[in-house]
Amino acid sequence: MKKINGMSKRHCYARRNSKGKRGEGLVEFAIVLPFFFLLMFGILDMGHLYFVQVTLENAVRQAGRFAVTGRSLPGLSRVASIETIAQNAAPGLDLTKIIITSSGATSTGGVGNAASGGLPGEDVTISLKTHLTLFTNLMGHFYGTNDVDTFTVATTFRNERFPYSQTD
């Protein structure tokens, strides 16, 4: 095989072809990198959305389980106790609106006590609301125009039979 500049023809040909491809890797990297970051931040946004949804569902469940017993935390009213339980079950989330209502005020002709979370045997509804700012604008197109998603979770429980003295 004929040698050119101390190299075989085969090596010389391979070297000549690689000269035209020097910037190819950099161009490919520059094209793929934005899509990679968009995908990664999209995955983070979806994971964060799922975390917030699951955390709110857990908070409303814990608050509801506490509410049906008719108990209250020491030094707090029953409604304030239910709100505290909900906030403790959702660490890191700003629960902007907690609404606690009972069915007694309407179903029994105003006899129920909605301000105390309902009387024994009445339904108590707990609703939690929070806002979440998204990482990327991509997810904002699916969940709103201002990149802020509002989560609202509500549930209704029937109060257990507890002594009326606990409704304070």
C-alpha atoms as a PDB file:
ATOM      1  CA  MET A   1       0.000   0.000   0.000  1.00  0.00           C
ATOM      2  CA  LYS A   2       1.299   3.415  -0.932  1.00  0.00           C
ATOM      3  CA  LYS A   3       2.185   5.739   1.913  1.00  0.00           C
ATOM      4  CA  ILE A   4       1.638   9.481   1.862  1.00  0.00           C
ATOM      5  CA  ASN A   5       3.512  11.561   4.462  1.00  0.00           C
ATOM      6  CA  GLY A   6       4.272   8.430   6.456  1.00  0.00           C
ATOM      7  CA  MET A   7       0.598   7.280   6.572  1.00  0.00           C
ATOM      8  CA  SER A   8      -1.224   4.714   4.531  1.00  0.00           C
ATOM      9  CA  LYS A   9      -3.794   5.853   1.976  1.00  0.00           C
ATOM     10  CA  ARG A  10      -6.619   4.595   4.176  1.00  0.00           C
ATOM     11  CA  HIS A  11      -5.605   6.751   7.172  1.00  0.00           C
ATOM     12  CA  CYS A  12      -5.083   9.776   4.968  1.00  0.00           C
ATOM     13  CA  TYR A  13      -8.610   9.431   3.517  1.00  0.00           C
ATOM     14  CA  ALA A  14     -10.195   9.120   6.975  1.00  0.00           C
ATOM     15  CA  ARG A  15      -8.345  12.172   8.151  1.00  0.00           C
ATOM     16  CA  ARG A  16      -9.445  14.231   5.143  1.00  0.00           C
ATOM     17  CA  ASN A  17     -13.155  13.426   5.740  1.00  0.00           C
ATOM     18  CA  SER A  18     -13.039  14.364   9.411  1.00  0.00           C
ATOM     19  CA  LYS A  19     -11.834  17.890   8.644  1.00  0.00           C
ATOM     20  CA  GLY A  20     -15.243  18.898   7.245  1.00  0.00           C
ATOM     21  CA  LYS A  21     -17.076  17.623  10.356  1.00  0.00           C
ATOM     22  CA  ARG A  22     -15.281  19.576  13.070  1.00  0.00           C
ATOM     23  CA  GLY A  23     -18.231  21.816  14.032  1.00  0.00           C
ATOM     24  CA  GLU A  24     -20.916  19.204  13.414  1.00  0.00           C
ATOM     25  CA  GLY A  25     -21.021  18.021  17.036  1.00  0.00           C
ATOM     26  CA  LEU A  26     -21.287  21.579  18.318  1.00  0.00           C
ATOM     27  CA  VAL A  27     -24.166  22.384  15.957  1.00  0.00           C
ATOM     28  CA  GLU A  28     -26.021  19.202  16.926  1.00  0.00           C
ATOM     29  CA  PHE A  29     -25.488  19.999  20.607  1.00  0.00           C
ATOM     30  CA  ALA A  30     -26.820  23.551  20.108  1.00  0.00           C
ATOM     31  CA  ILE A  31     -29.938  22.194  18.392  1.00  0.00           C
ATOM     32  CA  VAL A  32     -30.664  19.422  20.910  1.00  0.00           C
ATOM     33  CA  LEU A  33     -29.864  21.334  24.127  1.00  0.00           C
ATOM     34  CA  PRO A  34     -33.014  23.567  24.183  1.00  0.00           C
ATOM     35  CA  PHE A  35     -35.252  20.556  23.623  1.00  0.00           C
ATOM     36  CA  PHE A  36     -33.463  18.685  26.381  1.00  0.00           C
ATOM     37  CA  PHE A  37     -33.972  21.533  28.867  1.00  0.00           C
ATOM     38  CA  LEU A  38     -37.605  21.936  27.805  1.00  0.00           C
ATOM     39  CA  LEU A  39     -38.185  18.246  28.415  1.00  0.00           C
ATOM     40  CA  MET A  40     -36.434  18.306  31.800  1.00  0.00           C
ATOM     41  CA  PHE A  41     -38.312  21.382  33.056  1.00  0.00           C
ATOM     42  CA  GLY A  42     -41.566  19.927  31.722  1.00  0.00           C
ATOM     43  CA  ILE A  43     -40.944  16.779  33.750  1.00  0.00           C
ATOM     44  CA  LEU A  44     -40.195  18.922  36.824  1.00  0.00           C
ATOM     45  CA  ASP A  45     -43.410  20.910  36.311  1.00  0.00           C
ATOM     46  CA  MET A  46     -45.532  17.798  35.937  1.00  0.00           C
ATOM     47  CA  GLY A  47     -43.935  16.243  39.019  1.00  0.00           C
ATOM     48  CA  HIS A  48     -44.524  19.433  41.003  1.00  0.00           C
ATOM     49  CA  LEU A  49     -48.159  19.582  39.848  1.00  0.00           C
ATOM     50  CA  TYR A  50     -48.675  15.975  40.901  1.00  0.00           C
ATOM     51  CA  PHE A  51     -47.006  16.602  44.285  1.00  0.00           C
ATOM     52  CA  VAL A  52     -49.272  19.583  44.999  1.00  0.00           C
ATOM     53  CA  GLN A  53     -52.412  17.660  44.011  1.00  0.00           C
ATOM     54  CA  VAL A  54     -51.548  14.657  46.179  1.00  0.00           C
ATOM     55  CA  THR A  55     -50.515  16.858  49.117  1.00  0.00           C
ATOM     56  CA  LEU A  56     -53.806  18.795  48.982  1.00  0.00           C
ATOM     57  CA  GLU A  57     -55.814  15.586  48.821  1.00  0.00           C
ATOM     58  CA  ASN A  58     -53.949  14.310  51.875  1.00  0.00           C
ATOM     59  CA  ALA A  59     -54.481  17.600  53.750  1.00  0.00           C
ATOM     60  CA  VAL A  60     -58.220  17.642  53.113  1.00  0.00           C
ATOM     61  CA  ARG A  61     -58.467  13.975  54.108  1.00  0.00           C
ATOM     62  CA  GLN A  62     -56.584  14.567  57.379  1.00  0.00           C
ATOM     63  CA  ALA A  63     -58.665  17.661  58.185  1.00  0.00           C
ATOM     64  CA  GLY A  64     -61.869  15.762  57.434  1.00  0.00           C
ATOM     65  CA  ARG A  65     -60.893  12.836  59.618  1.00  0.00           C
ATOM     66  CA  PHE A  66     -60.205  15.254  62.461  1.00  0.00           C
ATOM     67  CA  ALA A  67     -63.397  17.249  61.837  1.00  0.00           C
ATOM     68  CA  VAL A  68     -65.792  14.319  62.107  1.00  0.00           C
ATOM     69  CA  THR A  69     -64.687  13.554  65.658  1.00  0.00           C
ATOM     70  CA  GLY A  70     -65.964  16.879  66.991  1.00  0.00           C
ATOM     71  CA  ARG A  71     -62.700  17.518  68.836  1.00  0.00           C
ATOM     72  CA  SER A  72     -60.636  20.680  68.889  1.00  0.00           C
ATOM     73  CA  LEU A  73     -56.997  21.378  69.651  1.00  0.00           C
ATOM     74  CA  PRO A  74     -56.200  22.940  73.043  1.00  0.00           C
ATOM     75  CA  GLY A  75     -56.803  26.686  72.997  1.00  0.00           C
ATOM     76  CA  LEU A  76     -58.377  26.732  69.519  1.00  0.00           C
ATOM     77  CA  SER A  77     -61.949  26.686  68.275  1.00  0.00           C
ATOM     78  CA  ARG A  78     -63.118  23.675  66.313  1.00  0.00           C
ATOM     79  CA  VAL A  79     -62.876  25.447  62.949  1.00  0.00           C
ATOM     80  CA  ALA A  80     -59.417  26.851  63.776  1.00  0.00           C
ATOM     81  CA  SER A  81     -58.341  23.342  64.800  1.00  0.00           C
ATOM     82  CA  ILE A  82     -59.519  21.880  61.486  1.00  0.00           C
ATOM     83  CA  GLU A  83     -57.650  24.630  59.596  1.00  0.00           C
ATOM     84  CA  THR A  84     -54.497  23.967  61.622  1.00  0.00           C
ATOM     85  CA  ILE A  85     -54.665  20.237  60.871  1.00  0.00           C
ATOM     86  CA  ALA A  86     -55.050  20.990  57.149  1.00  0.00           C
ATOM     87  CA  GLN A  87     -52.123  23.406  57.129  1.00  0.00           C
ATOM     88  CA  ASN A  88     -49.911  20.962  59.038  1.00  0.00           C
ATOM     89  CA  ALA A  89     -50.735  18.210  56.541  1.00  0.00           C
ATOM     90  CA  ALA A  90     -49.674  20.411  53.595  1.00  0.00           C
ATOM     91  CA  PRO A  91     -46.168  21.624  54.481  1.00  0.00           C
ATOM     92  CA  GLY A  92     -44.682  24.097  52.066  1.00  0.00           C
ATOM     93  CA  LEU A  93     -47.984  24.963  50.415  1.00  0.00           C
ATOM     94  CA  ASP A  94     -49.727  28.274  50.833  1.00  0.00           C
ATOM     95  CA  LEU A  95     -53.310  27.329  51.560  1.00  0.00           C
ATOM     96  CA  THR A  96     -54.805  30.646  50.520  1.00  0.00           C
ATOM     97  CA  LYS A  97     -58.372  29.668  51.194  1.00  0.00           C
ATOM     98  CA  ILE A  98     -59.771  27.121  53.614  1.00  0.00           C
ATOM     99  CA  ILE A  99     -63.556  26.886  53.678  1.00  0.00           C
ATOM    100  CA  ILE A 100     -65.366  24.772  56.272  1.00  0.00           C
ATOM    101  CA  THR A 101     -69.152  24.510  56.070  1.00  0.00           C
ATOM    102  CA  SER A 102     -71.764  22.183  57.496  1.00  0.00           C
ATOM    103  CA  SER A 103     -75.095  20.994  56.152  1.00  0.00           C
ATOM    104  CA  GLY A 104     -76.957  21.725  59.380  1.00  0.00           C
ATOM    105  CA  ALA A 105     -77.536  25.418  58.747  1.00  0.00           C
ATOM    106  CA  THR A 106     -79.597  24.723  55.637  1.00  0.00           C
ATOM    107  CA  SER A 107     -80.968  21.196  56.001  1.00  0.00           C
ATOM    108  CA  THR A 108     -82.429  21.627  59.500  1.00  0.00           C
ATOM    109  CA  GLY A 109     -83.888  25.098  58.987  1.00  0.00           C
ATOM    110  CA  GLY A 110     -81.013  27.073  60.519  1.00  0.00           C
ATOM    111  CA  VAL A 111     -80.676  24.940  63.654  1.00  0.00           C
ATOM    112  CA  GLY A 112     -77.159  23.717  62.816  1.00  0.00           C
ATOM    113  CA  ASN A 113     -73.996  25.521  63.767  1.00  0.00           C
ATOM    114  CA  ALA A 114     -71.946  26.120  60.589  1.00  0.00           C
ATOM    115  CA  ALA A 115     -69.393  28.196  62.485  1.00  0.00           C
ATOM    116  CA  SER A 116     -68.371  25.167  64.536  1.00  0.00           C
ATOM    117  CA  GLY A 117     -68.043  22.618  61.744  1.00  0.00           C
ATOM    118  CA  GLY A 118     -71.492  21.103  62.197  1.00  0.00           C
ATOM    119  CA  LEU A 119     -73.358  19.184  64.834  1.00  0.00           C
ATOM    120  CA  PRO A 120     -73.249  15.395  65.309  1.00  0.00           C
ATOM    121  CA  GLY A 121     -74.687  13.552  62.315  1.00  0.00           C
ATOM    122  CA  GLU A 122     -74.435  16.557  59.981  1.00  0.00           C
ATOM    123  CA  ASP A 123     -72.250  16.753  56.903  1.00  0.00           C
ATOM    124  CA  VAL A 124     -69.140  18.909  57.063  1.00  0.00           C
ATOM    125  CA  THR A 125     -67.472  20.068  53.828  1.00  0.00           C
ATOM    126  CA  ILE A 126     -63.830  21.094  53.778  1.00  0.00           C
ATOM    127  CA  SER A 127     -62.394  22.912  50.764  1.00  0.00           C
ATOM    128  CA  LEU A 128     -58.728  23.859  50.300  1.00  0.00           C
ATOM    129  CA  LYS A 129     -57.297  26.151  47.626  1.00  0.00           C
ATOM    130  CA  THR A 130     -53.698  26.947  46.685  1.00  0.00           C
ATOM    131  CA  HIS A 131     -51.767  28.511  43.812  1.00  0.00           C
ATOM    132  CA  LEU A 132     -48.715  27.071  42.089  1.00  0.00           C
ATOM    133  CA  THR A 133     -46.256  28.971  39.897  1.00  0.00           C
ATOM    134  CA  LEU A 134     -44.876  26.838  37.093  1.00  0.00           C
ATOM    135  CA  PHE A 135     -41.201  26.574  36.107  1.00  0.00           C
ATOM    136  CA  THR A 136     -41.703  26.826  32.337  1.00  0.00           C
ATOM    137  CA  ASN A 137     -44.045  28.662  30.019  1.00  0.00           C
ATOM    138  CA  LEU A 138     -44.754  25.429  28.169  1.00  0.00           C
ATOM    139  CA  MET A 139     -46.936  24.022  30.934  1.00  0.00           C
ATOM    140  CA  GLY A 140     -48.557  27.449  31.369  1.00  0.00           C
ATOM    141  CA  HIS A 141     -50.234  27.024  27.988  1.00  0.00           C
ATOM    142  CA  PHE A 142     -52.028  23.959  29.326  1.00  0.00           C
ATOM    143  CA  TYR A 143     -52.883  25.305  32.783  1.00  0.00           C
ATOM    144  CA  GLY A 144     -53.440  29.036  32.265  1.00  0.00           C
ATOM    145  CA  THR A 145     -52.038  32.074  30.593  1.00  0.00           C
ATOM    146  CA  ASN A 146     -50.095  33.494  33.535  1.00  0.00           C
ATOM    147  CA  ASP A 147     -48.099  30.371  34.487  1.00  0.00           C
ATOM    148  CA  VAL A 148     -50.046  30.060  37.757  1.00  0.00           C
ATOM    149  CA  ASP A 149     -52.270  27.091  38.365  1.00  0.00           C
ATOM    150  CA  THR A 150     -54.985  27.069  41.009  1.00  0.00           C
ATOM    151  CA  PHE A 151     -55.723  23.838  42.822  1.00  0.00           C
ATOM    152  CA  THR A 152     -58.974  23.355  44.699  1.00  0.00           C
ATOM    153  CA  VAL A 153     -59.741  20.157  46.595  1.00  0.00           C
ATOM    154  CA  ALA A 154     -62.921  19.551  48.565  1.00  0.00           C
ATOM    155  CA  THR A 155     -64.507  16.672  50.408  1.00  0.00           C
ATOM    156  CA  THR A 156     -67.571  16.046  52.518  1.00  0.00           C
ATOM    157  CA  PHE A 157     -67.697  13.896  55.655  1.00  0.00           C
ATOM    158  CA  ARG A 158     -70.530  13.025  57.985  1.00  0.00           C
ATOM    159  CA  ASN A 159     -69.841  13.951  61.590  1.00  0.00           C
ATOM    160  CA  GLU A 160     -69.754  11.138  64.100  1.00  0.00           C
ATOM    161  CA  ARG A 161     -72.061  11.120  67.096  1.00  0.00           C
ATOM    162  CA  PHE A 162     -70.158  13.169  69.654  1.00  0.00           C
ATOM    163  CA  PRO A 163     -71.349  15.064  72.754  1.00  0.00           C
ATOM    164  CA  TYR A 164     -72.773  18.512  71.986  1.00  0.00           C
ATOM    165  CA  SER A 165     -70.357  20.054  74.492  1.00  0.00           C
ATOM    166  CA  GLN A 166     -67.502  19.385  72.004  1.00  0.00           C
ATOM    167  CA  THR A 167     -68.965  21.685  69.325  1.00  0.00           C
ATOM    168  CA  ASP A 168     -67.510  24.853  70.875  1.00  0.00           C
END
